[in-house]
Amino acid sequence: MATETKVAVLGGITEVQGAANSVEINNLARFAVEEQNKRENSVLEFVRVISAQQQVVSGVNYYITLEAKDGEIKNEYKAKVWERESQELLEFMPTLGAGGEIDHPARFAVEEQNKRENANLEFVGVIRAKQQVVEGFIYYITLEAKDGETKNVYETKVWVRSWLNSKEVLEFKPISINPLSVSV
């Protein structure tokens, strides 16, 4: 009977109870931030663990949601750390979501477009977004902005290199879709 229970859990992802207060999980989260800083030459500062899950494999995969500061801005990140005899950071990325940190590059893109085209667009919200890890992050964002009373949908590409305090709009263009038909 004990073997059946162990087999059922092996490979399954389970919640780590009390993760925010766990010394082990906090140490893994700090490790993830330090490794990300080395990889990207960034200066993120660990703030706290929000939650964590674990998966027993050949070792243990930890899926940690954490908060870290980039300068004065707090952002939420997801890290995947594999622990066996040593630790290895497998993934580290900002969480993307409406009202979250993705609004920063989206608002920046609208402001830059206003400067470039002497326009008066007003940011409404992010419709969808994805990111690509490069030397920093490139955010591919579909957003909604108002031009007077008219709402329009735009696609933009923003390159963020936080360690250089650099943001650059690589592309900003209107797209012709009905924003009511787009799912968030």
C-alpha atoms as a PDB file:
ATOM      1  CA  MET A   1       0.000   0.000   0.000  1.00  0.00           C
ATOM      2  CA  ALA A   2       2.805   2.460   0.855  1.00  0.00           C
ATOM      3  CA  THR A   3       4.425   1.778  -2.531  1.00  0.00           C
ATOM      4  CA  GLU A   4       1.183   2.658  -4.353  1.00  0.00           C
ATOM      5  CA  THR A   5       0.978   5.992  -2.538  1.00  0.00           C
ATOM      6  CA  LYS A   6       4.625   6.774  -3.357  1.00  0.00           C
ATOM      7  CA  VAL A   7       4.153   5.901  -7.047  1.00  0.00           C
ATOM      8  CA  ALA A   8       1.043   8.102  -7.246  1.00  0.00           C
ATOM      9  CA  VAL A   9       3.002  11.099  -5.889  1.00  0.00           C
ATOM     10  CA  LEU A  10       6.166  10.534  -7.955  1.00  0.00           C
ATOM     11  CA  GLY A  11       6.159  13.072 -10.778  1.00  0.00           C
ATOM     12  CA  GLY A  12       3.067  14.828  -9.442  1.00  0.00           C
ATOM     13  CA  ILE A  13       3.201  18.491  -8.508  1.00  0.00           C
ATOM     14  CA  THR A  14       2.149  19.308  -4.957  1.00  0.00           C
ATOM     15  CA  GLU A  15       1.779  22.551  -3.024  1.00  0.00           C
ATOM     16  CA  VAL A  16       4.519  23.296  -0.470  1.00  0.00           C
ATOM     17  CA  GLN A  17       2.636  24.157   2.702  1.00  0.00           C
ATOM     18  CA  GLY A  18       3.981  27.226   4.525  1.00  0.00           C
ATOM     19  CA  ALA A  19       6.332  28.040   1.635  1.00  0.00           C
ATOM     20  CA  ALA A  20       6.447  31.770   2.419  1.00  0.00           C
ATOM     21  CA  ASN A  21       7.905  30.999   5.867  1.00  0.00           C
ATOM     22  CA  SER A  22      10.071  28.024   4.886  1.00  0.00           C
ATOM     23  CA  VAL A  23      13.809  28.651   5.279  1.00  0.00           C
ATOM     24  CA  GLU A  24      14.528  26.020   2.592  1.00  0.00           C
ATOM     25  CA  ILE A  25      12.156  27.584   0.032  1.00  0.00           C
ATOM     26  CA  ASN A  26      13.400  31.102   0.811  1.00  0.00           C
ATOM     27  CA  ASN A  27      16.991  29.926   0.270  1.00  0.00           C
ATOM     28  CA  LEU A  28      16.009  28.345  -3.068  1.00  0.00           C
ATOM     29  CA  ALA A  29      14.269  31.577  -4.108  1.00  0.00           C
ATOM     30  CA  ARG A  30      17.333  33.639  -3.167  1.00  0.00           C
ATOM     31  CA  PHE A  31      19.475  31.202  -5.172  1.00  0.00           C
ATOM     32  CA  ALA A  32      17.153  31.666  -8.189  1.00  0.00           C
ATOM     33  CA  VAL A  33      17.418  35.467  -8.030  1.00  0.00           C
ATOM     34  CA  GLU A  34      21.220  35.324  -7.657  1.00  0.00           C
ATOM     35  CA  GLU A  35      21.547  32.947 -10.611  1.00  0.00           C
ATOM     36  CA  GLN A  36      19.271  35.126 -12.745  1.00  0.00           C
ATOM     37  CA  ASN A  37      21.385  38.152 -11.870  1.00  0.00           C
ATOM     38  CA  LYS A  38      24.531  36.291 -12.995  1.00  0.00           C
ATOM     39  CA  ARG A  39      22.914  35.094 -16.243  1.00  0.00           C
ATOM     40  CA  GLU A  40      21.425  38.441 -17.240  1.00  0.00           C
ATOM     41  CA  ASN A  41      23.913  40.753 -15.528  1.00  0.00           C
ATOM     42  CA  SER A  42      20.923  42.227 -13.703  1.00  0.00           C
ATOM     43  CA  VAL A  43      20.510  43.549 -10.171  1.00  0.00           C
ATOM     44  CA  LEU A  44      17.274  42.017  -8.936  1.00  0.00           C
ATOM     45  CA  GLU A  45      16.873  41.994  -5.162  1.00  0.00           C
ATOM     46  CA  PHE A  46      14.943  39.172  -3.516  1.00  0.00           C
ATOM     47  CA  VAL A  47      11.940  40.390  -1.467  1.00  0.00           C
ATOM     48  CA  ARG A  48       9.818  37.376  -0.495  1.00  0.00           C
ATOM     49  CA  VAL A  49       8.375  33.992  -1.456  1.00  0.00           C
ATOM     50  CA  ILE A  50       4.699  34.092  -2.443  1.00  0.00           C
ATOM     51  CA  SER A  51       4.106  30.366  -2.979  1.00  0.00           C
ATOM     52  CA  ALA A  52       5.832  27.181  -4.057  1.00  0.00           C
ATOM     53  CA  GLN A  53       5.110  23.774  -5.491  1.00  0.00           C
ATOM     54  CA  GLN A  54       7.333  20.735  -5.732  1.00  0.00           C
ATOM     55  CA  GLN A  55       7.646  17.804  -8.087  1.00  0.00           C
ATOM     56  CA  VAL A  56       9.581  14.680  -7.162  1.00  0.00           C
ATOM     57  CA  VAL A  57      11.655  13.576 -10.149  1.00  0.00           C
ATOM     58  CA  SER A  58      15.297  12.481 -10.151  1.00  0.00           C
ATOM     59  CA  GLY A  59      15.716  14.993  -7.356  1.00  0.00           C
ATOM     60  CA  VAL A  60      13.055  17.652  -6.780  1.00  0.00           C
ATOM     61  CA  ASN A  61      11.808  20.436  -9.060  1.00  0.00           C
ATOM     62  CA  TYR A  62      10.615  23.484  -7.142  1.00  0.00           C
ATOM     63  CA  TYR A  63       8.231  25.919  -8.835  1.00  0.00           C
ATOM     64  CA  ILE A  64       8.534  29.129  -6.817  1.00  0.00           C
ATOM     65  CA  THR A  65       6.513  32.305  -7.209  1.00  0.00           C
ATOM     66  CA  LEU A  66       8.504  35.122  -5.681  1.00  0.00           C
ATOM     67  CA  GLU A  67       8.707  38.868  -5.463  1.00  0.00           C
ATOM     68  CA  ALA A  68      11.907  40.745  -6.302  1.00  0.00           C
ATOM     69  CA  LYS A  69      12.801  44.383  -6.765  1.00  0.00           C
ATOM     70  CA  ASP A  70      14.252  45.789  -9.950  1.00  0.00           C
ATOM     71  CA  GLY A  71      15.434  49.136  -8.658  1.00  0.00           C
ATOM     72  CA  GLU A  72      12.431  50.493  -6.783  1.00  0.00           C
ATOM     73  CA  ILE A  73       9.884  48.464  -8.760  1.00  0.00           C
ATOM     74  CA  LYS A  74       8.624  45.231  -7.207  1.00  0.00           C
ATOM     75  CA  ASN A  75       7.724  42.503  -9.685  1.00  0.00           C
ATOM     76  CA  GLU A  76       6.493  38.949  -9.398  1.00  0.00           C
ATOM     77  CA  TYR A  77       8.562  36.162 -10.936  1.00  0.00           C
ATOM     78  CA  LYS A  78       8.273  32.421 -11.433  1.00  0.00           C
ATOM     79  CA  ALA A  79      11.381  30.307 -10.929  1.00  0.00           C
ATOM     80  CA  LYS A  80      11.971  26.617 -11.467  1.00  0.00           C
ATOM     81  CA  VAL A  81      14.867  25.195  -9.467  1.00  0.00           C
ATOM     82  CA  TRP A  82      16.024  21.591  -9.728  1.00  0.00           C
ATOM     83  CA  GLU A  83      17.634  20.245  -6.589  1.00  0.00           C
ATOM     84  CA  ARG A  84      19.570  17.007  -6.426  1.00  0.00           C
ATOM     85  CA  GLU A  85      23.136  16.977  -5.077  1.00  0.00           C
ATOM     86  CA  SER A  86      23.326  20.611  -6.125  1.00  0.00           C
ATOM     87  CA  GLN A  87      20.896  23.255  -7.342  1.00  0.00           C
ATOM     88  CA  GLU A  88      20.244  24.380 -10.899  1.00  0.00           C
ATOM     89  CA  LEU A  89      18.037  27.237 -12.088  1.00  0.00           C
ATOM     90  CA  LEU A  90      15.986  25.877 -15.001  1.00  0.00           C
ATOM     91  CA  GLU A  91      13.605  28.804 -15.582  1.00  0.00           C
ATOM     92  CA  PHE A  92      13.168  32.356 -14.363  1.00  0.00           C
ATOM     93  CA  MET A  93      10.609  34.748 -15.797  1.00  0.00           C
ATOM     94  CA  PRO A  94       8.349  37.599 -14.805  1.00  0.00           C
ATOM     95  CA  THR A  95       4.723  36.682 -14.427  1.00  0.00           C
ATOM     96  CA  LEU A  96       2.559  38.177 -17.114  1.00  0.00           C
ATOM     97  CA  GLY A  97      -0.906  39.307 -16.278  1.00  0.00           C
ATOM     98  CA  ALA A  98      -3.370  42.136 -16.496  1.00  0.00           C
ATOM     99  CA  GLY A  99      -2.513  44.845 -14.006  1.00  0.00           C
ATOM    100  CA  GLY A 100       0.850  43.213 -13.330  1.00  0.00           C
ATOM    101  CA  GLU A 101       4.349  44.184 -14.337  1.00  0.00           C
ATOM    102  CA  ILE A 102       3.527  43.820 -18.028  1.00  0.00           C
ATOM    103  CA  ASP A 103       1.687  47.153 -17.846  1.00  0.00           C
ATOM    104  CA  HIS A 104       5.037  48.967 -17.423  1.00  0.00           C
ATOM    105  CA  PRO A 105       6.481  48.187 -20.891  1.00  0.00           C
ATOM    106  CA  ALA A 106       3.018  48.572 -22.454  1.00  0.00           C
ATOM    107  CA  ARG A 107       2.552  52.066 -21.002  1.00  0.00           C
ATOM    108  CA  PHE A 108       6.110  52.932 -22.004  1.00  0.00           C
ATOM    109  CA  ALA A 109       5.354  51.901 -25.607  1.00  0.00           C
ATOM    110  CA  VAL A 110       2.289  54.156 -25.733  1.00  0.00           C
ATOM    111  CA  GLU A 111       4.263  57.099 -24.285  1.00  0.00           C
ATOM    112  CA  GLU A 112       7.057  56.591 -26.824  1.00  0.00           C
ATOM    113  CA  GLN A 113       4.555  56.367 -29.677  1.00  0.00           C
ATOM    114  CA  ASN A 114       3.028  59.656 -28.525  1.00  0.00           C
ATOM    115  CA  LYS A 115       6.481  61.294 -28.609  1.00  0.00           C
ATOM    116  CA  ARG A 116       7.437  59.813 -32.005  1.00  0.00           C
ATOM    117  CA  GLU A 117       4.193  60.645 -33.779  1.00  0.00           C
ATOM    118  CA  ASN A 118       3.106  63.692 -31.762  1.00  0.00           C
ATOM    119  CA  ALA A 119       0.012  61.645 -30.909  1.00  0.00           C
ATOM    120  CA  ASN A 120      -2.242  61.656 -27.865  1.00  0.00           C
ATOM    121  CA  LEU A 121      -2.917  57.965 -27.262  1.00  0.00           C
ATOM    122  CA  GLU A 122      -4.138  56.959 -23.809  1.00  0.00           C
ATOM    123  CA  PHE A 123      -3.238  53.490 -22.526  1.00  0.00           C
ATOM    124  CA  VAL A 124      -6.326  51.378 -21.698  1.00  0.00           C
ATOM    125  CA  GLY A 125      -4.957  47.906 -21.007  1.00  0.00           C
ATOM    126  CA  VAL A 126      -3.039  44.842 -22.106  1.00  0.00           C
ATOM    127  CA  ILE A 127      -5.008  42.327 -24.151  1.00  0.00           C
ATOM    128  CA  ARG A 128      -2.299  39.671 -24.283  1.00  0.00           C
ATOM    129  CA  ALA A 129       1.452  39.457 -23.951  1.00  0.00           C
ATOM    130  CA  LYS A 130       4.345  37.095 -24.209  1.00  0.00           C
ATOM    131  CA  GLN A 131       8.015  37.495 -23.592  1.00  0.00           C
ATOM    132  CA  GLN A 132      11.254  36.290 -25.074  1.00  0.00           C
ATOM    133  CA  VAL A 133      14.422  36.048 -23.014  1.00  0.00           C
ATOM    134  CA  VAL A 134      17.289  37.621 -24.949  1.00  0.00           C
ATOM    135  CA  GLU A 135      19.878  40.021 -23.596  1.00  0.00           C
ATOM    136  CA  GLY A 136      17.118  41.153 -21.244  1.00  0.00           C
ATOM    137  CA  PHE A 137      13.509  40.608 -22.300  1.00  0.00           C
ATOM    138  CA  ILE A 138      11.561  41.383 -25.447  1.00  0.00           C
ATOM    139  CA  TYR A 139       7.867  41.782 -24.702  1.00  0.00           C
ATOM    140  CA  TYR A 140       5.375  41.154 -27.515  1.00  0.00           C
ATOM    141  CA  ILE A 141       2.278  43.016 -26.388  1.00  0.00           C
ATOM    142  CA  THR A 142      -1.174  43.468 -27.859  1.00  0.00           C
ATOM    143  CA  LEU A 143      -2.731  46.456 -26.144  1.00  0.00           C
ATOM    144  CA  GLU A 144      -5.710  48.732 -26.309  1.00  0.00           C
ATOM    145  CA  ALA A 145      -5.347  52.509 -26.352  1.00  0.00           C
ATOM    146  CA  LYS A 146      -7.763  55.380 -26.817  1.00  0.00           C
ATOM    147  CA  ASP A 147      -7.316  58.047 -29.460  1.00  0.00           C
ATOM    148  CA  GLY A 148      -9.843  60.611 -28.263  1.00  0.00           C
ATOM    149  CA  GLU A 149     -13.005  58.575 -27.726  1.00  0.00           C
ATOM    150  CA  THR A 150     -12.010  55.804 -30.134  1.00  0.00           C
ATOM    151  CA  LYS A 151     -10.437  52.636 -28.765  1.00  0.00           C
ATOM    152  CA  ASN A 152      -7.902  50.953 -31.034  1.00  0.00           C
ATOM    153  CA  VAL A 153      -5.774  47.832 -30.764  1.00  0.00           C
ATOM    154  CA  TYR A 154      -2.010  47.936 -31.271  1.00  0.00           C
ATOM    155  CA  GLU A 155       0.846  45.474 -31.336  1.00  0.00           C
ATOM    156  CA  THR A 156       4.148  46.524 -29.890  1.00  0.00           C
ATOM    157  CA  LYS A 157       7.515  44.993 -29.239  1.00  0.00           C
ATOM    158  CA  VAL A 158       9.522  46.396 -26.305  1.00  0.00           C
ATOM    159  CA  TRP A 159      13.096  45.452 -25.435  1.00  0.00           C
ATOM    160  CA  VAL A 160      13.942  45.836 -21.730  1.00  0.00           C
ATOM    161  CA  ARG A 161      17.483  45.616 -20.351  1.00  0.00           C
ATOM    162  CA  SER A 162      17.065  46.548 -16.697  1.00  0.00           C
ATOM    163  CA  TRP A 163      20.763  46.426 -15.769  1.00  0.00           C
ATOM    164  CA  LEU A 164      21.359  49.210 -18.334  1.00  0.00           C
ATOM    165  CA  ASN A 165      18.174  51.012 -17.288  1.00  0.00           C
ATOM    166  CA  SER A 166      17.188  50.682 -20.942  1.00  0.00           C
ATOM    167  CA  LYS A 167      13.785  50.306 -22.619  1.00  0.00           C
ATOM    168  CA  GLU A 168      13.349  50.521 -26.363  1.00  0.00           C
ATOM    169  CA  VAL A 169      10.238  50.281 -28.506  1.00  0.00           C
ATOM    170  CA  LEU A 170      11.214  48.140 -31.480  1.00  0.00           C
ATOM    171  CA  GLU A 171       7.787  48.207 -33.117  1.00  0.00           C
ATOM    172  CA  PHE A 172       4.403  49.847 -32.581  1.00  0.00           C
ATOM    173  CA  LYS A 173       1.591  49.380 -35.082  1.00  0.00           C
ATOM    174  CA  PRO A 174      -2.194  49.406 -35.187  1.00  0.00           C
ATOM    175  CA  ILE A 175      -3.929  46.148 -35.982  1.00  0.00           C
ATOM    176  CA  SER A 176      -7.410  45.807 -37.356  1.00  0.00           C
ATOM    177  CA  ILE A 177      -9.286  43.457 -35.070  1.00  0.00           C
ATOM    178  CA  ASN A 178     -12.382  43.886 -33.007  1.00  0.00           C
ATOM    179  CA  PRO A 179     -11.124  44.259 -29.395  1.00  0.00           C
ATOM    180  CA  LEU A 180     -14.403  42.795 -28.141  1.00  0.00           C
ATOM    181  CA  SER A 181     -13.565  39.505 -29.822  1.00  0.00           C
ATOM    182  CA  VAL A 182     -10.110  39.211 -28.242  1.00  0.00           C
ATOM    183  CA  SER A 183      -9.769  37.045 -25.171  1.00  0.00           C
ATOM    184  CA  VAL A 184      -7.513  38.170 -22.365  1.00  0.00           C
END
